[in-house]
Each structure stands twice: as C-alpha cells, then as structure tokens.
Amino acid sequence: MKKALIVGIDNYLNAPLKGCINDASAFSSIIETNGDGSPNFSVRLETNIQTKSELMTAIIKLFEGDCETVLFYFSGHGSLNSIGGVIVTPDHKENDEGISMDQIITLANKSKAKNKIIILDCCHSGALGSPSISNNATCQIIEGVTILTASRDNQLAVEVNGHGVFTNLLLDALRGGASDLRGSITPGSVYAYIDQALGPWDQRPVFKTNITEFTPLRTITPPVNLEALRKLIEYFHEPNEEYRLDPTYEFDNISVAIEDNVRIFKNLQKLERVGLIVPVDEEHMYYAAQNSKSCKLTALGAHYWRLVKEKRI
C-alpha cells in the first residue's frame, strides 16, 4: 500500500502565494495513478490548512501504520530560524512560525513504513534533514527515508506565472521525463532531471537519501516494449559482441528480404532509437543492413543487457 499527504497553502495573511494550491492539485492528480491508469498512491489532498495543529495532525496520521510507501508533499512558505527550517502555517506567530522540519524528520524516522519520501517546495527547504543547520543529530535520516527539496537551506523557492519552478519540473519528470527504459520513475531519476534543468545561477534542488533500493514514485508505459528489450541477450551473446547485418534484414529489399530477419531488424531499430544500439561504420541502421555491416551495444545498451541477463527485467 502507498499513501500520500499533499498540502498546498496560498492563503497567508501578510504574504499570500499564488501557485501552491495549483501545484499541490497537479501533483496530487498525477501521483495517484500510473501512466496506464492503474492505482498508484492513495492521496489525501489538503489545501489552505489554517493551523499548525491541523497540519501536524495530518502529518502524524500519514506516518502512522506500516504502509509500503508514504509520501509527504508540501508547497507553501518556508522559513529558517536559529534552530532550523520550518514549514510555515497561516497561523504563524513570532518564534512559532509553523512545523519544524526536524519534527517531520523525527516522525519519518520513527515510522514503520518501509519507504518514507518527503518533497518540499518552499523557501529554505534544503534545511530538511540537515543536522548542521539545527545542530540536532537526532534528525539525521535513517534507512528508508528520501528527501527532495526545491532549494538549498539559504535559498528562496521561486514562483513563475502561478506555479513553482521546482514543481513544474517535478511534474514533467513524473509525466515521463525521468523515466528509465522500463517505465520506472524514482526519486533519484526525478532529482537528476530537475538538477539538469536548473542552472548554477538558479535555485538548486537538494536530494538526500538513506536507502538500499529505489522505490518507484510512478511508472509509465516504457518507451520500448519489454519484449524487445529482453531480446538483447538473444541478439548479443556477450555485451561486446557485434550483430552482423545484410540486405535480407531490410524489408525494402523485396527480392531478398527474409521475414524473420526483417522482424529482428525492426526490434533492433527500436533499440537504436532509445540509445541501446548503434550501427558500426555507418550513420544509419538502414545503411548498415544494405552494406552488410553490423551493429553493437552502447554503454547504456550493455547496462540493460546485464539487467536482462540477470533476470532483473
């Protein structure tokens, strides 16, 4: 079982925001199902929670139980004080701005859930899980906890045109931008996608984790079907081996084309399109066949060859 608490707050009395509810609603919509429409997370969406007490109660309830995966997403104001980071609630007061990020980590660490994922799109969110900020060693993340934040502890998180820059990229990643060739989207691949999109002068996302295996945030239809992917070890008996081609593989050669070879060649072309195979001494696979050349695995192709060989795909 997987459950998610998704919170967006715009309604701050003296400093209202415009994109947090939009972002929380969009994130909720995409995370509750996989790309094929199958159920993913059981989502509780909360918008404009007014009090620290109400939000804390919801967070405590999220981390209760022994689900496979629990996810907390927050979009709103964040602040940094002398004792660490805080996610701010509308009833904030001086020296009591909201919920300490250290408290969130403590709850995650104590949770019996196997995987705990925390995503914050707020200013100073990088303070989450940083004992050096609060000098609180008990808030180091334990095994099973993953953190993804919009900015470093000393940075602001930017809104543009009614949406958070970070969450816009997060949504694109979950739609497929961060997918591997099996259709799996993990926190690590999401971070890599966002990291590449934001330059050194922008807010910098932060990724922290203590896990032995990534759990998918979402799955989509693979860019190449798994049946074709599993053919890698059939076409290449060793990862450094070349596959010889000739004109019988190209269906345009009506007089010599062999049906079985044409079917193999179509699979090889699919694998080439996703970067697993390249023609040898030719620019295109078509010419490799026409000129009786060969094709070979790329470094990425060799990686997936090993995954297939080890029966992990």
Protein backbone atom coordinates (compact mmCIF):
# COMPACT_ATOMS: atom_id res chain seq x y z
CA MET A 1 0.00 0.00 0.00
CA LYS A 2 1.11 3.54 -0.78
CA LYS A 3 -0.37 6.73 0.64
CA ALA A 4 0.41 10.41 0.18
CA LEU A 5 -0.42 13.59 2.07
CA ILE A 6 -0.24 16.54 -0.33
CA VAL A 7 -0.51 20.05 1.08
CA GLY A 8 -0.72 23.39 -0.74
CA ILE A 9 -1.13 26.70 1.08
CA ASP A 10 -1.63 30.06 -0.67
CA ASN A 11 -3.66 31.86 1.96
CA TYR A 12 -1.07 33.60 4.14
CA LEU A 13 -2.43 36.83 5.57
CA ASN A 14 0.52 39.15 5.00
CA ALA A 15 2.35 37.26 2.26
CA PRO A 16 -0.11 35.37 0.05
CA LEU A 17 1.16 32.97 -2.60
CA LYS A 18 -0.41 32.18 -5.97
CA GLY A 19 0.84 28.81 -7.13
CA CYS A 20 0.94 26.43 -4.18
CA ILE A 21 -2.61 25.09 -4.46
CA ASN A 22 -2.18 24.78 -8.22
CA ASP A 23 1.00 22.79 -7.71
CA ALA A 24 -0.39 20.57 -4.96
CA SER A 25 -3.51 19.79 -7.01
CA ALA A 26 -1.48 18.97 -10.12
CA PHE A 27 0.94 16.80 -8.16
CA SER A 28 -1.98 15.01 -6.50
CA SER A 29 -3.61 14.31 -9.84
CA ILE A 30 -0.50 12.81 -11.43
CA ILE A 31 0.79 10.80 -8.46
CA GLU A 32 -2.47 8.97 -7.72
CA THR A 33 -2.27 6.88 -10.90
CA ASN A 34 0.41 5.33 -13.07
CA GLY A 35 0.74 6.03 -16.77
CA ASP A 36 -1.59 3.16 -17.66
CA GLY A 37 -4.29 4.44 -15.30
CA SER A 38 -3.68 1.83 -12.60
CA PRO A 39 -3.80 2.99 -8.95
CA ASN A 40 -0.57 4.36 -7.50
CA PHE A 41 -0.81 6.43 -4.30
CA SER A 42 -3.93 6.78 -2.17
CA VAL A 43 -3.93 10.57 -1.92
CA ARG A 44 -5.18 12.97 0.71
CA LEU A 45 -5.07 16.50 -0.73
CA GLU A 46 -5.24 19.38 1.75
CA THR A 47 -5.38 22.99 0.54
CA ASN A 48 -5.15 26.08 2.73
CA ILE A 49 -4.83 24.24 6.03
CA GLN A 50 -5.11 27.10 8.51
CA THR A 51 -3.38 25.95 11.66
CA LYS A 52 -0.18 24.33 12.77
CA SER A 53 -2.22 21.88 14.86
CA GLU A 54 -4.31 20.76 11.89
CA LEU A 55 -1.26 20.22 9.67
CA MET A 56 0.69 18.43 12.38
CA THR A 57 -2.23 16.06 12.99
CA ALA A 58 -2.36 15.22 9.29
CA ILE A 59 1.39 14.58 9.14
CA ILE A 60 1.30 12.35 12.21
CA LYS A 61 -1.53 10.33 10.67
CA LEU A 62 0.41 9.98 7.41
CA PHE A 63 3.42 8.38 9.10
CA GLU A 64 1.29 6.02 11.22
CA GLY A 65 0.89 2.39 10.20
CA ASP A 66 3.13 0.13 8.19
CA CYS A 67 2.45 1.01 4.55
CA GLU A 68 4.97 0.06 1.91
CA THR A 69 5.49 3.73 0.98
CA VAL A 70 4.33 7.04 2.44
CA LEU A 71 4.87 10.40 0.76
CA PHE A 72 4.57 13.93 2.14
CA TYR A 73 4.49 16.87 -0.28
CA PHE A 74 4.29 20.48 0.86
CA SER A 75 4.04 23.67 -1.19
CA GLY A 76 3.87 26.93 0.73
CA HIS A 77 6.08 29.26 2.73
CA GLY A 78 9.24 28.01 4.42
CA SER A 79 11.49 29.86 6.82
CA LEU A 80 14.82 29.42 8.55
CA ASN A 81 15.42 30.48 12.14
CA SER A 82 18.21 29.97 14.66
CA ILE A 83 17.22 26.35 15.34
CA GLY A 84 16.48 25.16 11.80
CA GLY A 85 13.95 25.06 8.99
CA VAL A 86 10.19 25.47 9.35
CA ILE A 87 7.23 24.90 7.04
CA VAL A 88 5.01 27.86 7.73
CA THR A 89 1.29 27.73 8.51
CA PRO A 90 -1.17 30.66 8.17
CA ASP A 91 -1.49 30.97 11.97
CA HIS A 92 2.25 31.64 12.33
CA LYS A 93 3.47 33.83 15.16
CA GLU A 94 6.81 35.23 16.14
CA ASN A 95 9.06 32.35 17.21
CA ASP A 96 6.28 29.90 16.31
CA GLU A 97 6.13 30.01 12.52
CA GLY A 98 4.82 26.51 11.95
CA ILE A 99 6.14 22.95 11.96
CA SER A 100 9.84 22.35 12.42
CA MET A 101 11.45 20.36 9.63
CA ASP A 102 13.26 18.44 12.37
CA GLN A 103 9.87 17.29 13.69
CA ILE A 104 8.94 15.97 10.24
CA ILE A 105 12.19 14.01 10.02
CA THR A 106 11.69 12.61 13.51
CA LEU A 107 8.23 11.33 12.53
CA ALA A 108 9.59 9.83 9.30
CA ASN A 109 12.45 8.14 11.16
CA LYS A 110 10.04 6.59 13.65
CA SER A 111 7.53 5.47 11.03
CA LYS A 112 7.14 1.74 10.41
CA ALA A 113 6.58 2.36 6.69
CA LYS A 114 9.29 0.79 4.56
CA ASN A 115 9.82 3.89 2.39
CA LYS A 116 9.32 7.46 3.52
CA ILE A 117 9.51 10.19 0.86
CA ILE A 118 9.37 13.91 1.70
CA ILE A 119 9.13 16.55 -1.04
CA LEU A 120 9.17 20.23 -0.10
CA ASP A 121 8.62 23.13 -2.50
CA CYS A 122 9.25 26.07 -0.21
CA CYS A 123 11.99 28.55 0.62
CA HIS A 124 14.89 27.20 2.73
CA SER A 125 13.62 23.65 2.19
CA GLY A 126 17.18 22.28 1.96
CA ALA A 127 17.38 22.61 5.75
CA LEU A 128 15.28 19.44 5.97
CA GLY A 129 17.43 16.60 7.27
CA SER A 130 20.50 18.80 7.89
CA PRO A 131 21.71 18.46 11.49
CA SER A 132 24.35 21.10 10.75
CA ILE A 133 21.54 23.66 10.46
CA SER A 134 19.74 22.81 13.70
CA ASN A 135 22.66 21.06 15.43
CA ASN A 136 20.25 18.23 16.12
CA ALA A 137 21.95 14.90 15.46
CA THR A 138 18.69 13.01 16.06
CA CYS A 139 17.37 14.44 12.80
CA GLN A 140 19.79 12.60 10.55
CA ILE A 141 17.79 10.49 8.15
CA ILE A 142 17.67 6.76 8.86
CA GLU A 143 17.34 3.94 6.33
CA GLY A 144 14.23 4.19 4.20
CA VAL A 145 13.98 7.99 4.16
CA THR A 146 14.32 10.07 0.99
CA ILE A 147 14.18 13.87 0.76
CA LEU A 148 13.76 16.05 -2.32
CA THR A 149 13.59 19.82 -1.88
CA ALA A 150 13.20 22.84 -4.12
CA SER A 151 16.19 24.81 -2.85
CA ARG A 152 19.14 24.87 -0.51
CA ASP A 153 18.71 25.95 3.09
CA ASN A 154 19.83 29.51 2.27
CA GLN A 155 17.78 29.91 -0.92
CA LEU A 156 14.31 31.02 -1.90
CA ALA A 157 11.97 28.85 -3.98
CA VAL A 158 10.65 30.78 -6.97
CA GLU A 159 7.12 31.02 -8.36
CA VAL A 160 6.62 31.93 -12.02
CA ASN A 161 3.21 32.53 -13.64
CA GLY A 162 1.32 30.99 -10.75
CA HIS A 163 3.41 27.83 -10.44
CA GLY A 164 6.54 26.84 -8.56
CA VAL A 165 9.59 26.40 -10.79
CA PHE A 166 10.54 23.24 -8.89
CA THR A 167 7.12 21.59 -9.01
CA ASN A 168 6.72 22.36 -12.71
CA LEU A 169 9.88 20.34 -13.33
CA LEU A 170 8.75 17.67 -10.87
CA LEU A 171 5.51 17.20 -12.81
CA ASP A 172 7.35 16.98 -16.14
CA ALA A 173 9.66 14.36 -14.63
CA LEU A 174 6.68 12.31 -13.41
CA ARG A 175 4.96 12.53 -16.81
CA GLY A 176 7.88 10.63 -18.26
CA GLY A 177 10.86 12.96 -18.42
CA ALA A 178 12.63 11.00 -15.68
CA SER A 179 11.61 7.51 -16.78
CA ASP A 180 14.07 4.72 -17.43
CA LEU A 181 13.55 2.26 -20.27
CA ARG A 182 11.36 0.08 -18.06
CA GLY A 183 8.98 2.98 -17.45
CA SER A 184 10.10 3.40 -13.83
CA ILE A 185 10.40 6.89 -12.30
CA THR A 186 12.30 7.03 -9.00
CA PRO A 187 13.20 9.87 -6.63
CA GLY A 188 16.79 9.64 -7.89
CA SER A 189 15.82 9.97 -11.54
CA VAL A 190 13.47 12.86 -10.70
CA TYR A 191 16.31 14.68 -8.95
CA ALA A 192 18.64 14.10 -11.90
CA TYR A 193 16.02 15.53 -14.26
CA ILE A 194 15.43 18.65 -12.15
CA ASP A 195 19.13 19.11 -11.44
CA GLN A 196 19.94 19.22 -15.16
CA ALA A 197 17.12 21.69 -15.85
CA LEU A 198 18.23 24.25 -13.25
CA GLY A 199 21.49 26.06 -13.88
CA PRO A 200 24.16 27.24 -11.40
CA TRP A 201 22.52 30.67 -11.10
CA ASP A 202 19.08 29.23 -10.29
CA GLN A 203 17.70 27.80 -7.08
CA ARG A 204 19.37 24.46 -6.56
CA PRO A 205 17.34 21.35 -5.69
CA VAL A 206 18.57 19.13 -2.85
CA PHE A 207 18.41 15.35 -2.72
CA LYS A 208 19.15 13.30 0.39
CA THR A 209 18.50 9.62 0.89
CA ASN A 210 19.40 6.64 3.02
CA ILE A 211 18.14 3.63 1.13
CA THR A 212 19.42 0.37 -0.31
CA GLU A 213 16.94 0.29 -3.22
CA PHE A 214 14.89 2.95 -5.00
CA THR A 215 11.13 2.61 -4.93
CA PRO A 216 9.28 4.00 -7.98
CA LEU A 217 7.30 7.16 -7.48
CA ARG A 218 5.33 6.33 -10.61
CA THR A 219 5.50 4.06 -13.63
CA ILE A 220 4.62 4.85 -17.24
CA THR A 221 4.41 2.87 -20.45
CA PRO A 222 8.03 2.02 -21.35
CA PRO A 223 9.46 3.87 -24.38
CA VAL A 224 10.36 0.45 -25.81
CA ASN A 225 8.34 -2.65 -25.03
CA LEU A 226 9.91 -5.06 -22.58
CA GLU A 227 9.67 -7.97 -25.01
CA ALA A 228 12.01 -6.15 -27.42
CA LEU A 229 14.29 -5.21 -24.52
CA ARG A 230 14.61 -8.83 -23.41
CA LYS A 231 15.78 -9.77 -26.90
CA LEU A 232 19.11 -8.07 -26.18
CA ILE A 233 20.67 -11.26 -24.84
CA GLU A 234 19.31 -13.18 -27.83
CA TYR A 235 20.87 -10.81 -30.37
CA PHE A 236 24.10 -10.25 -28.44
CA HIS A 237 25.52 -13.26 -26.59
CA GLU A 238 28.14 -11.02 -24.98
CA PRO A 239 27.89 -7.25 -24.38
CA ASN A 240 30.93 -6.52 -26.56
CA GLU A 241 29.70 -8.66 -29.46
CA GLU A 242 28.56 -7.20 -32.81
CA TYR A 243 25.43 -8.32 -34.62
CA ARG A 244 26.04 -8.86 -38.33
CA LEU A 245 23.52 -7.45 -40.79
CA ASP A 246 22.93 -7.84 -44.51
CA PRO A 247 20.32 -6.79 -47.10
CA THR A 248 17.97 -9.62 -46.06
CA TYR A 249 17.13 -7.65 -42.90
CA GLU A 250 15.69 -4.63 -44.74
CA PHE A 251 12.07 -5.04 -45.88
CA ASP A 252 12.61 -2.62 -48.79
CA ASN A 253 14.73 -5.30 -50.46
CA ILE A 254 11.71 -7.26 -51.63
CA SER A 255 13.67 -9.74 -53.69
CA VAL A 256 15.98 -10.86 -50.87
CA ALA A 257 14.27 -9.86 -47.60
CA ILE A 258 13.74 -12.71 -45.11
CA GLU A 259 10.68 -12.37 -42.87
CA ASP A 260 12.41 -13.46 -39.64
CA ASN A 261 15.34 -11.13 -40.30
CA VAL A 262 13.02 -8.22 -41.05
CA ARG A 263 11.26 -8.79 -37.71
CA ILE A 264 14.62 -8.83 -35.90
CA PHE A 265 15.72 -5.68 -37.69
CA LYS A 266 12.58 -3.81 -36.61
CA ASN A 267 13.39 -4.69 -33.00
CA LEU A 268 16.99 -3.58 -33.45
CA GLN A 269 15.79 -0.25 -34.84
CA LYS A 270 13.53 0.23 -31.79
CA LEU A 271 16.50 -0.42 -29.53
CA GLU A 272 18.61 2.02 -31.54
CA ARG A 273 16.00 4.78 -31.14
CA VAL A 274 16.32 4.59 -27.35
CA GLY A 275 20.11 4.64 -27.41
CA LEU A 276 20.89 0.99 -26.74
CA ILE A 277 22.35 0.11 -30.14
CA VAL A 278 24.40 1.93 -32.78
CA PRO A 279 25.39 0.90 -36.33
CA VAL A 280 29.08 0.18 -36.91
CA ASP A 281 30.83 2.28 -39.57
CA GLU A 282 27.53 3.64 -40.88
CA GLU A 283 25.39 6.61 -39.87
CA HIS A 284 22.06 4.76 -40.02
CA MET A 285 20.91 1.21 -39.38
CA TYR A 286 19.40 1.12 -42.87
CA TYR A 287 22.81 1.51 -44.47
CA ALA A 288 24.37 -0.97 -42.07
CA ALA A 289 21.97 -3.58 -43.43
CA GLN A 290 22.27 -2.52 -47.05
CA ASN A 291 26.07 -2.58 -46.89
CA SER A 292 26.34 -5.78 -44.81
CA LYS A 293 27.84 -4.05 -41.78
CA SER A 294 26.93 -4.68 -38.15
CA CYS A 295 25.53 -3.03 -35.04
CA LYS A 296 26.71 -3.06 -31.44
CA LEU A 297 25.57 -2.18 -27.93
CA THR A 298 26.21 1.24 -26.49
CA ALA A 299 27.37 1.57 -22.88
CA LEU A 300 23.71 2.02 -21.91
CA GLY A 301 22.82 -0.99 -24.03
CA ALA A 302 25.43 -3.09 -22.21
CA HIS A 303 23.88 -1.99 -18.90
CA TYR A 304 20.42 -3.16 -19.96
CA TRP A 305 21.93 -6.35 -21.45
CA ARG A 306 23.24 -7.18 -17.97
CA LEU A 307 19.87 -6.42 -16.39
CA VAL A 308 18.17 -8.80 -18.80
CA LYS A 309 20.90 -11.43 -18.33
CA GLU A 310 20.45 -11.24 -14.55
CA LYS A 311 16.66 -11.57 -14.97
CA ARG A 312 16.02 -8.13 -13.47
CA ILE A 313 13.86 -7.15 -16.45
